PDB file of all heavy atoms in Angstrom:
ATOM      1  N   LEU A   1      89.750 108.427 100.290  1.00  0.00           N
ATOM      2  CA  LEU A   1      90.100 107.980  98.943  1.00  0.00           C
ATOM      3  C   LEU A   1      90.696 106.579  98.968  1.00  0.00           C
ATOM      4  O   LEU A   1      90.387 105.740  98.119  1.00  0.00           O
ATOM      5  CB  LEU A   1      91.096 108.965  98.315  1.00  0.00           C
ATOM      6  CG  LEU A   1      90.562 110.382  98.059  1.00  0.00           C
ATOM      7  CD1 LEU A   1      91.688 111.284  97.576  1.00  0.00           C
ATOM      8  CD2 LEU A   1      89.424 110.360  97.039  1.00  0.00           C
ATOM      9  N   ALA A   2      91.538 106.323  99.983  1.00  0.00           N
ATOM     10  CA  ALA A   2      92.173 105.004 100.081  1.00  0.00           C
ATOM     11  C   ALA A   2      91.142 103.914 100.344  1.00  0.00           C
ATOM     12  O   ALA A   2      91.220 102.818  99.786  1.00  0.00           O
ATOM     13  CB  ALA A   2      93.228 105.017 101.185  1.00  0.00           C
ATOM     14  N   ALA A   3      90.157 104.212 101.213  1.00  0.00           N
ATOM     15  CA  ALA A   3      89.135 103.213 101.533  1.00  0.00           C
ATOM     16  C   ALA A   3      88.315 102.840 100.308  1.00  0.00           C
ATOM     17  O   ALA A   3      87.805 101.718 100.197  1.00  0.00           O
ATOM     18  CB  ALA A   3      88.220 103.738 102.627  1.00  0.00           C
ATOM     19  N   ALA A   4      88.187 103.781  99.372  1.00  0.00           N
ATOM     20  CA  ALA A   4      87.390 103.519  98.171  1.00  0.00           C
ATOM     21  C   ALA A   4      88.191 102.827  97.076  1.00  0.00           C
ATOM     22  O   ALA A   4      87.611 102.111  96.250  1.00  0.00           O
ATOM     23  CB  ALA A   4      86.810 104.827  97.633  1.00  0.00           C
ATOM     24  N   LYS A   5      89.509 103.026  97.068  1.00  0.00           N
ATOM     25  CA  LYS A   5      90.305 102.551  95.938  1.00  0.00           C
ATOM     26  C   LYS A   5      91.250 101.398  96.268  1.00  0.00           C
ATOM     27  O   LYS A   5      91.639 100.664  95.379  1.00  0.00           O
ATOM     28  CB  LYS A   5      91.132 103.731  95.375  1.00  0.00           C
ATOM     29  CG  LYS A   5      90.279 104.872  94.819  1.00  0.00           C
ATOM     30  CD  LYS A   5      89.385 104.397  93.681  1.00  0.00           C
ATOM     31  CE  LYS A   5      88.549 105.530  93.089  1.00  0.00           C
ATOM     32  NZ  LYS A   5      87.666 105.061  92.009  1.00  0.00           N
ATOM     33  N   LEU A   6      91.659 101.256  97.533  1.00  0.00           N
ATOM     34  CA  LEU A   6      92.620 100.216  97.888  1.00  0.00           C
ATOM     35  C   LEU A   6      91.904  99.024  98.514  1.00  0.00           C
ATOM     36  O   LEU A   6      91.183  99.182  99.500  1.00  0.00           O
ATOM     37  CB  LEU A   6      93.662 100.770  98.859  1.00  0.00           C
ATOM     38  CG  LEU A   6      94.513 101.954  98.337  1.00  0.00           C
ATOM     39  CD1 LEU A   6      95.499 102.394  99.394  1.00  0.00           C
ATOM     40  CD2 LEU A   6      95.232 101.565  97.045  1.00  0.00           C
ATOM     41  N   PRO A   7      92.093  97.824  97.979  1.00  0.00           N
ATOM     42  CA  PRO A   7      91.390  96.646  98.507  1.00  0.00           C
ATOM     43  C   PRO A   7      91.660  96.396  99.992  1.00  0.00           C
ATOM     44  O   PRO A   7      90.747  96.007 100.722  1.00  0.00           O
ATOM     45  CB  PRO A   7      91.943  95.502  97.639  1.00  0.00           C
ATOM     46  CG  PRO A   7      92.387  96.159  96.377  1.00  0.00           C
ATOM     47  CD  PRO A   7      92.880  97.509  96.781  1.00  0.00           C
ATOM     48  N   PHE A   8      92.912  96.631 100.422  1.00  0.00           N
ATOM     49  CA  PHE A   8      93.232  96.378 101.831  1.00  0.00           C
ATOM     50  C   PHE A   8      92.432  97.307 102.732  1.00  0.00           C
ATOM     51  O   PHE A   8      91.863  96.880 103.752  1.00  0.00           O
ATOM     52  CB  PHE A   8      94.728  96.570 102.070  1.00  0.00           C
ATOM     53  CG  PHE A   8      95.099  96.593 103.531  1.00  0.00           C
ATOM     54  CD1 PHE A   8      95.069  95.419 104.285  1.00  0.00           C
ATOM     55  CD2 PHE A   8      95.456  97.779 104.160  1.00  0.00           C
ATOM     56  CE1 PHE A   8      95.395  95.438 105.633  1.00  0.00           C
ATOM     57  CE2 PHE A   8      95.781  97.799 105.508  1.00  0.00           C
ATOM     58  CZ  PHE A   8      95.755  96.621 106.248  1.00  0.00           C
ATOM     59  N   MET A   9      92.369  98.581 102.375  1.00  0.00           N
ATOM     60  CA  MET A   9      91.616  99.543 103.174  1.00  0.00           C
ATOM     61  C   MET A   9      90.122  99.225 103.151  1.00  0.00           C
ATOM     62  O   MET A   9      89.429  99.379 104.162  1.00  0.00           O
ATOM     63  CB  MET A   9      91.856 100.964 102.658  1.00  0.00           C
ATOM     64  CG  MET A   9      93.277 101.462 102.865  1.00  0.00           C
ATOM     65  SD  MET A   9      93.690 101.579 104.620  1.00  0.00           S
ATOM     66  CE  MET A   9      95.336 102.315 104.508  1.00  0.00           C
ATOM     67  N   ALA A  10      89.644  98.767 102.004  1.00  0.00           N
ATOM     68  CA  ALA A  10      88.233  98.395 101.923  1.00  0.00           C
ATOM     69  C   ALA A  10      87.948  97.170 102.783  1.00  0.00           C
ATOM     70  O   ALA A  10      86.885  97.056 103.398  1.00  0.00           O
ATOM     71  CB  ALA A  10      87.845  98.130 100.470  1.00  0.00           C
ATOM     72  N   ALA A  11      88.931  96.258 102.844  1.00  0.00           N
ATOM     73  CA  ALA A  11      88.735  95.026 103.618  1.00  0.00           C
ATOM     74  C   ALA A  11      88.597  95.313 105.109  1.00  0.00           C
ATOM     75  O   ALA A  11      87.831  94.647 105.813  1.00  0.00           O
ATOM     76  CB  ALA A  11      89.892  94.061 103.365  1.00  0.00           C
ATOM     77  N   ILE A  12      89.354  96.295 105.613  1.00  0.00           N
ATOM     78  CA  ILE A  12      89.263  96.641 107.034  1.00  0.00           C
ATOM     79  C   ILE A  12      88.191  97.704 107.283  1.00  0.00           C
ATOM     80  O   ILE A  12      88.032  98.170 108.414  1.00  0.00           O
ATOM     81  CB  ILE A  12      90.623  97.119 107.589  1.00  0.00           C
ATOM     82  CG1 ILE A  12      91.092  98.394 106.878  1.00  0.00           C
ATOM     83  CG2 ILE A  12      91.672  96.020 107.482  1.00  0.00           C
ATOM     84  CD1 ILE A  12      92.369  98.988 107.450  1.00  0.00           C
ATOM     85  N   GLU A  13      87.493  98.103 106.203  1.00  0.00           N
ATOM     86  CA  GLU A  13      86.375  99.048 106.289  1.00  0.00           C
ATOM     87  C   GLU A  13      86.780 100.334 106.996  1.00  0.00           C
ATOM     88  O   GLU A  13      86.100 100.819 107.904  1.00  0.00           O
ATOM     89  CB  GLU A  13      85.170  98.399 106.971  1.00  0.00           C
ATOM     90  CG  GLU A  13      84.649  97.186 106.231  1.00  0.00           C
ATOM     91  CD  GLU A  13      83.394  96.602 106.844  1.00  0.00           C
ATOM     92  OE1 GLU A  13      82.607  97.365 107.445  1.00  0.00           O
ATOM     93  OE2 GLU A  13      83.190  95.387 106.739  1.00  0.00           O
ATOM     94  N   LEU A  14      87.915 100.884 106.555  1.00  0.00           N
ATOM     95  CA  LEU A  14      88.396 102.140 107.130  1.00  0.00           C
ATOM     96  C   LEU A  14      87.379 103.250 106.923  1.00  0.00           C
ATOM     97  O   LEU A  14      86.864 103.447 105.822  1.00  0.00           O
ATOM     98  CB  LEU A  14      89.717 102.546 106.481  1.00  0.00           C
ATOM     99  CG  LEU A  14      90.248 103.942 106.825  1.00  0.00           C
ATOM    100  CD1 LEU A  14      90.618 104.021 108.305  1.00  0.00           C
ATOM    101  CD2 LEU A  14      91.441 104.308 105.943  1.00  0.00           C
ATOM    102  N   SER A  15      87.062 103.970 107.992  1.00  0.00           N
ATOM    103  CA  SER A  15      86.173 105.129 107.917  1.00  0.00           C
ATOM    104  C   SER A  15      86.795 106.237 108.748  1.00  0.00           C
ATOM    105  O   SER A  15      86.739 106.211 109.979  1.00  0.00           O
ATOM    106  CB  SER A  15      84.772 104.785 108.436  1.00  0.00           C
ATOM    107  OG  SER A  15      83.980 105.955 108.525  1.00  0.00           O
ATOM    108  N   THR A  16      87.427 107.199 108.078  1.00  0.00           N
ATOM    109  CA  THR A  16      88.089 108.266 108.823  1.00  0.00           C
ATOM    110  C   THR A  16      87.080 109.176 109.514  1.00  0.00           C
ATOM    111  O   THR A  16      87.379 109.753 110.557  1.00  0.00           O
ATOM    112  CB  THR A  16      88.986 109.090 107.886  1.00  0.00           C
ATOM    113  OG1 THR A  16      88.237 109.507 106.742  1.00  0.00           O
ATOM    114  CG2 THR A  16      90.177 108.272 107.419  1.00  0.00           C
ATOM    115  N   SER A  17      85.870 109.306 108.949  1.00  0.00           N
ATOM    116  CA  SER A  17      84.860 110.128 109.622  1.00  0.00           C
ATOM    117  C   SER A  17      84.404 109.458 110.913  1.00  0.00           C
ATOM    118  O   SER A  17      84.175 110.129 111.927  1.00  0.00           O
ATOM    119  CB  SER A  17      83.662 110.375 108.698  1.00  0.00           C
ATOM    120  OG  SER A  17      83.058 109.160 108.310  1.00  0.00           O
ATOM    121  N   THR A  18      84.273 108.133 110.895  1.00  0.00           N
ATOM    122  CA  THR A  18      83.906 107.406 112.123  1.00  0.00           C
ATOM    123  C   THR A  18      85.025 107.514 113.150  1.00  0.00           C
ATOM    124  O   THR A  18      84.764 107.693 114.347  1.00  0.00           O
ATOM    125  CB  THR A  18      83.626 105.929 111.801  1.00  0.00           C
ATOM    126  OG1 THR A  18      82.602 105.856 110.809  1.00  0.00           O
ATOM    127  CG2 THR A  18      83.177 105.182 113.040  1.00  0.00           C
ATOM    128  N   LEU A  19      86.275 107.397 112.703  1.00  0.00           N
ATOM    129  CA  LEU A  19      87.418 107.569 113.597  1.00  0.00           C
ATOM    130  C   LEU A  19      87.404 108.971 114.199  1.00  0.00           C
ATOM    131  O   LEU A  19      87.638 109.154 115.402  1.00  0.00           O
ATOM    132  CB  LEU A  19      88.715 107.322 112.826  1.00  0.00           C
ATOM    133  CG  LEU A  19      90.026 107.407 113.622  1.00  0.00           C
ATOM    134  CD1 LEU A  19      90.133 106.250 114.603  1.00  0.00           C
ATOM    135  CD2 LEU A  19      91.226 107.410 112.678  1.00  0.00           C
ATOM    136  N   GLY A  20      87.126 109.979 113.362  1.00  0.00           N
ATOM    137  CA  GLY A  20      87.078 111.359 113.843  1.00  0.00           C
ATOM    138  C   GLY A  20      85.959 111.591 114.836  1.00  0.00           C
ATOM    139  O   GLY A  20      86.138 112.282 115.839  1.00  0.00           O
ATOM    140  N   ALA A  21      84.780 111.003 114.573  1.00  0.00           N
ATOM    141  CA  ALA A  21      83.667 111.132 115.519  1.00  0.00           C
ATOM    142  C   ALA A  21      84.035 110.512 116.857  1.00  0.00           C
ATOM    143  O   ALA A  21      83.716 111.052 117.927  1.00  0.00           O
ATOM    144  CB  ALA A  21      82.414 110.475 114.957  1.00  0.00           C
ATOM    145  N   GLY A  22      84.730 109.358 116.818  1.00  0.00           N
ATOM    146  CA  GLY A  22      85.175 108.736 118.062  1.00  0.00           C
ATOM    147  C   GLY A  22      86.155 109.609 118.822  1.00  0.00           C
ATOM    148  O   GLY A  22      86.125 109.675 120.056  1.00  0.00           O
ATOM    149  N   MET A  23      87.033 110.310 118.095  1.00  0.00           N
ATOM    150  CA  MET A  23      87.979 111.211 118.755  1.00  0.00           C
ATOM    151  C   MET A  23      87.260 112.352 119.460  1.00  0.00           C
ATOM    152  O   MET A  23      87.697 112.823 120.511  1.00  0.00           O
ATOM    153  CB  MET A  23      88.974 111.774 117.730  1.00  0.00           C
ATOM    154  CG  MET A  23      89.960 110.759 117.179  1.00  0.00           C
ATOM    155  SD  MET A  23      91.176 111.513 116.076  1.00  0.00           S
ATOM    156  CE  MET A  23      92.084 112.547 117.246  1.00  0.00           C
ATOM    157  N   ILE A  24      86.164 112.794 118.887  1.00  0.00           N
ATOM    158  CA  ILE A  24      85.438 113.918 119.474  1.00  0.00           C
ATOM    159  C   ILE A  24      84.677 113.491 120.728  1.00  0.00           C
ATOM    160  O   ILE A  24      84.666 114.204 121.730  1.00  0.00           O
ATOM    161  CB  ILE A  24      84.487 114.529 118.423  1.00  0.00           C
ATOM    162  CG1 ILE A  24      85.298 115.234 117.326  1.00  0.00           C
ATOM    163  CG2 ILE A  24      83.513 115.512 119.073  1.00  0.00           C
ATOM    164  CD1 ILE A  24      84.470 115.753 116.177  1.00  0.00           C
ATOM    165  N   VAL A  25      84.058 112.313 120.708  1.00  0.00           N
ATOM    166  CA  VAL A  25      83.221 111.918 121.848  1.00  0.00           C
ATOM    167  C   VAL A  25      84.020 111.251 122.958  1.00  0.00           C
ATOM    168  O   VAL A  25      83.591 111.226 124.118  1.00  0.00           O
ATOM    169  CB  VAL A  25      82.081 110.975 121.400  1.00  0.00           C
ATOM    170  CG1 VAL A  25      81.189 111.663 120.401  1.00  0.00           C
ATOM    171  CG2 VAL A  25      82.620 109.667 120.823  1.00  0.00           C
ATOM    172  N   GLY A  26      85.188 110.671 122.638  1.00  0.00           N
ATOM    173  CA  GLY A  26      86.035 110.100 123.685  1.00  0.00           C
ATOM    174  C   GLY A  26      85.852 108.606 123.892  1.00  0.00           C
ATOM    175  O   GLY A  26      84.965 107.969 123.330  1.00  0.00           O
ATOM    176  N   ALA A  27      86.728 108.043 124.747  1.00  0.00           N
ATOM    177  CA  ALA A  27      86.799 106.591 124.931  1.00  0.00           C
ATOM    178  C   ALA A  27      85.575 106.019 125.634  1.00  0.00           C
ATOM    179  O   ALA A  27      85.151 104.901 125.339  1.00  0.00           O
ATOM    180  CB  ALA A  27      88.065 106.226 125.710  1.00  0.00           C
ATOM    181  N   ARG A  28      85.014 106.749 126.577  1.00  0.00           N
ATOM    182  CA  ARG A  28      83.897 106.194 127.344  1.00  0.00           C
ATOM    183  C   ARG A  28      82.686 105.906 126.461  1.00  0.00           C
ATOM    184  O   ARG A  28      81.977 104.926 126.687  1.00  0.00           O
ATOM    185  CB  ARG A  28      83.521 107.132 128.494  1.00  0.00           C
ATOM    186  CG  ARG A  28      84.593 107.203 129.576  1.00  0.00           C
ATOM    187  CD  ARG A  28      84.228 108.169 130.686  1.00  0.00           C
ATOM    188  NE  ARG A  28      85.289 108.230 131.684  1.00  0.00           N
ATOM    189  CZ  ARG A  28      85.201 107.739 132.917  1.00  0.00           C
ATOM    190  NH1 ARG A  28      84.094 107.152 133.315  1.00  0.00           N
ATOM    191  NH2 ARG A  28      86.213 107.837 133.757  1.00  0.00           N
ATOM    192  N   ILE A  29      82.461 106.734 125.475  1.00  0.00           N
ATOM    193  CA  ILE A  29      81.354 106.497 124.554  1.00  0.00           C
ATOM    194  C   ILE A  29      81.779 105.540 123.447  1.00  0.00           C
ATOM    195  O   ILE A  29      81.053 104.614 123.082  1.00  0.00           O
ATOM    196  CB  ILE A  29      80.850 107.831 123.977  1.00  0.00           C
ATOM    197  CG1 ILE A  29      80.165 108.636 125.085  1.00  0.00           C
ATOM    198  CG2 ILE A  29      79.905 107.604 122.806  1.00  0.00           C
ATOM    199  CD1 ILE A  29      79.709 110.012 124.661  1.00  0.00           C
ATOM    200  N   GLY A  30      82.989 105.732 122.915  1.00  0.00           N
ATOM    201  CA  GLY A  30      83.452 104.878 121.830  1.00  0.00           C
ATOM    202  C   GLY A  30      83.554 103.417 122.216  1.00  0.00           C
ATOM    203  O   GLY A  30      83.115 102.524 121.483  1.00  0.00           O
ATOM    204  N   LEU A  31      84.115 103.134 123.390  1.00  0.00           N
ATOM    205  CA  LEU A  31      84.265 101.744 123.820  1.00  0.00           C
ATOM    206  C   LEU A  31      82.922 101.118 124.184  1.00  0.00           C
ATOM    207  O   LEU A  31      82.744  99.901 124.040  1.00  0.00           O
ATOM    208  CB  LEU A  31      85.234 101.665 124.998  1.00  0.00           C
ATOM    209  CG  LEU A  31      86.700 101.950 124.654  1.00  0.00           C
ATOM    210  CD1 LEU A  31      87.573 101.860 125.898  1.00  0.00           C
ATOM    211  CD2 LEU A  31      87.216 100.992 123.586  1.00  0.00           C
ATOM    212  N   ALA A  32      81.983 101.916 124.651  1.00  0.00           N
ATOM    213  CA  ALA A  32      80.643 101.374 124.931  1.00  0.00           C
ATOM    214  C   ALA A  32      80.002 100.845 123.657  1.00  0.00           C
ATOM    215  O   ALA A  32      79.327  99.805 123.668  1.00  0.00           O
ATOM    216  CB  ALA A  32      79.766 102.449 125.559  1.00  0.00           C
ATOM    217  N   ALA A  33      80.207 101.548 122.530  1.00  0.00           N
ATOM    218  CA  ALA A  33      79.675 101.067 121.249  1.00  0.00           C
ATOM    219  C   ALA A  33      80.343  99.760 120.844  1.00  0.00           C
ATOM    220  O   ALA A  33      79.691  98.858 120.297  1.00  0.00           O
ATOM    221  CB  ALA A  33      79.881 102.127 120.171  1.00  0.00           C
TER     222      ALA A  33
END
């Protein structure tokens, strides 16, 4: 909701689902991307 409504959050392109996917796959895959 914040990413859609708050300009600051939109500016940094916050994506909690992307953050969550990174938490599931771990640093070795996340940092490679």
